Amino acid sequence: MKDATVRRLQALEEEYTFAVNAAVGENRDDLVELLASEYPDAALEVLRSDAA
């Protein structure tokens, strides 16, 4: 895996972790579920763009 891809995946993880933690702090379980369901697709998109 390319270093740039690893960095993009790490940045994505940090972004989602921050967003989920904020949603938890606001008692927004609906948003936590939405973010959790979106994350795999977002990560897959990073991987797909690496393969292109």
N, C-alpha and C. Protein backbone atom coordinates (compact mmCIF):
# COMPACT_ATOMS: atom_id res chain seq x y z
N MET A 1 0.84 -1.17 0.00
CA MET A 1 0.00 0.00 0.00
C MET A 1 0.89 1.24 0.00
N LYS A 2 0.52 2.21 -0.79
CA LYS A 2 1.31 3.42 -0.90
C LYS A 2 1.25 4.25 0.38
N ASP A 3 2.35 4.96 0.67
CA ASP A 3 2.40 5.80 1.86
C ASP A 3 1.30 6.86 1.84
N ALA A 4 1.02 7.41 0.66
CA ALA A 4 -0.02 8.44 0.56
C ALA A 4 -1.39 7.85 0.92
N THR A 5 -1.62 6.63 0.54
CA THR A 5 -2.89 5.98 0.87
C THR A 5 -3.00 5.75 2.37
N VAL A 6 -1.93 5.32 2.97
CA VAL A 6 -1.92 5.10 4.42
C VAL A 6 -2.21 6.42 5.13
N ARG A 7 -1.59 7.49 4.68
CA ARG A 7 -1.83 8.81 5.30
C ARG A 7 -3.27 9.24 5.12
N ARG A 8 -3.84 9.00 3.96
CA ARG A 8 -5.24 9.37 3.72
C ARG A 8 -6.18 8.55 4.59
N LEU A 9 -5.88 7.27 4.76
CA LEU A 9 -6.71 6.43 5.63
C LEU A 9 -6.59 6.87 7.09
N GLN A 10 -5.39 7.24 7.51
CA GLN A 10 -5.21 7.72 8.88
C GLN A 10 -5.96 9.03 9.10
N ALA A 11 -5.92 9.92 8.12
CA ALA A 11 -6.65 11.19 8.23
C ALA A 11 -8.15 10.94 8.28
N LEU A 12 -8.62 10.01 7.47
CA LEU A 12 -10.04 9.66 7.47
C LEU A 12 -10.45 9.11 8.83
N GLU A 13 -9.62 8.22 9.38
CA GLU A 13 -9.92 7.65 10.70
C GLU A 13 -9.98 8.75 11.76
N GLU A 14 -9.04 9.67 11.73
CA GLU A 14 -9.03 10.77 12.70
C GLU A 14 -10.28 11.63 12.56
N GLU A 15 -10.66 11.91 11.32
CA GLU A 15 -11.85 12.73 11.06
C GLU A 15 -13.11 12.05 11.61
N TYR A 16 -13.25 10.77 11.31
CA TYR A 16 -14.44 10.05 11.78
C TYR A 16 -14.41 9.86 13.29
N THR A 17 -13.26 9.61 13.86
CA THR A 17 -13.15 9.46 15.31
C THR A 17 -13.58 10.74 16.01
N PHE A 18 -13.11 11.88 15.51
CA PHE A 18 -13.48 13.16 16.09
C PHE A 18 -15.00 13.37 15.98
N ALA A 19 -15.54 13.10 14.80
CA ALA A 19 -16.97 13.30 14.57
C ALA A 19 -17.82 12.38 15.45
N VAL A 20 -17.40 11.12 15.58
CA VAL A 20 -18.15 10.18 16.43
C VAL A 20 -18.07 10.61 17.88
N ASN A 21 -16.90 10.99 18.34
CA ASN A 21 -16.76 11.43 19.73
C ASN A 21 -17.62 12.66 20.01
N ALA A 22 -17.67 13.58 19.06
CA ALA A 22 -18.51 14.77 19.23
C ALA A 22 -19.98 14.37 19.28
N ALA A 23 -20.38 13.46 18.41
CA ALA A 23 -21.77 13.00 18.40
C ALA A 23 -22.13 12.29 19.70
N VAL A 24 -21.22 11.49 20.22
CA VAL A 24 -21.46 10.82 21.50
C VAL A 24 -21.62 11.86 22.60
N GLY A 25 -20.76 12.88 22.59
CA GLY A 25 -20.84 13.93 23.59
C GLY A 25 -22.15 14.71 23.54
N GLU A 26 -22.77 14.73 22.38
CA GLU A 26 -24.05 15.43 22.21
C GLU A 26 -25.24 14.47 22.31
N ASN A 27 -24.97 13.23 22.72
CA ASN A 27 -26.02 12.20 22.82
C ASN A 27 -26.76 12.01 21.50
N ARG A 28 -26.02 12.06 20.41
CA ARG A 28 -26.61 11.91 19.07
C ARG A 28 -26.33 10.50 18.56
N ASP A 29 -27.01 9.54 19.12
CA ASP A 29 -26.83 8.15 18.70
C ASP A 29 -27.16 7.96 17.22
N ASP A 30 -28.11 8.72 16.72
CA ASP A 30 -28.46 8.63 15.30
C ASP A 30 -27.28 9.00 14.42
N LEU A 31 -26.57 10.05 14.82
CA LEU A 31 -25.40 10.50 14.06
C LEU A 31 -24.25 9.50 14.20
N VAL A 32 -24.08 8.94 15.36
CA VAL A 32 -23.04 7.91 15.56
C VAL A 32 -23.29 6.74 14.61
N GLU A 33 -24.54 6.30 14.53
CA GLU A 33 -24.88 5.19 13.63
C GLU A 33 -24.63 5.56 12.18
N LEU A 34 -25.00 6.77 11.80
CA LEU A 34 -24.78 7.22 10.43
C LEU A 34 -23.30 7.25 10.09
N LEU A 35 -22.50 7.82 10.96
CA LEU A 35 -21.06 7.89 10.73
C LEU A 35 -20.44 6.50 10.65
N ALA A 36 -20.88 5.62 11.54
CA ALA A 36 -20.36 4.25 11.55
C ALA A 36 -20.72 3.52 10.26
N SER A 37 -21.89 3.81 9.73
CA SER A 37 -22.29 3.14 8.49
C SER A 37 -21.60 3.73 7.27
N GLU A 38 -21.22 5.01 7.33
CA GLU A 38 -20.55 5.66 6.21
C GLU A 38 -19.06 5.34 6.12
N TYR A 39 -18.44 5.07 7.26
CA TYR A 39 -16.99 4.93 7.30
C TYR A 39 -16.43 3.85 6.36
N PRO A 40 -16.99 2.64 6.33
CA PRO A 40 -16.42 1.63 5.43
C PRO A 40 -16.42 2.07 3.96
N ASP A 41 -17.49 2.71 3.54
CA ASP A 41 -17.55 3.18 2.15
C ASP A 41 -16.52 4.28 1.89
N ALA A 42 -16.33 5.16 2.86
CA ALA A 42 -15.34 6.22 2.71
C ALA A 42 -13.93 5.63 2.63
N ALA A 43 -13.65 4.64 3.47
CA ALA A 43 -12.34 3.99 3.44
C ALA A 43 -12.13 3.23 2.13
N LEU A 44 -13.18 2.57 1.67
CA LEU A 44 -13.09 1.85 0.40
C LEU A 44 -12.82 2.80 -0.76
N GLU A 45 -13.41 3.97 -0.71
CA GLU A 45 -13.18 4.96 -1.76
C GLU A 45 -11.71 5.40 -1.79
N VAL A 46 -11.10 5.55 -0.63
CA VAL A 46 -9.67 5.87 -0.56
C VAL A 46 -8.86 4.75 -1.21
N LEU A 47 -9.20 3.53 -0.88
CA LEU A 47 -8.47 2.39 -1.44
C LEU A 47 -8.67 2.27 -2.95
N ARG A 48 -9.88 2.53 -3.39
CA ARG A 48 -10.16 2.48 -4.83
C ARG A 48 -9.38 3.54 -5.59
N SER A 49 -9.30 4.72 -5.03
CA SER A 49 -8.57 5.80 -5.71
C SER A 49 -7.08 5.48 -5.77
N ASP A 50 -6.58 4.69 -4.81
CA ASP A 50 -5.18 4.26 -4.83
C ASP A 50 -4.94 3.28 -5.97
N ALA A 51 -5.94 2.45 -6.24
CA ALA A 51 -5.79 1.42 -7.27
C ALA A 51 -5.91 1.99 -8.69
N ALA A 52 -6.52 3.16 -8.79
CA ALA A 52 -6.75 3.76 -10.11
C ALA A 52 -5.49 4.34 -10.71
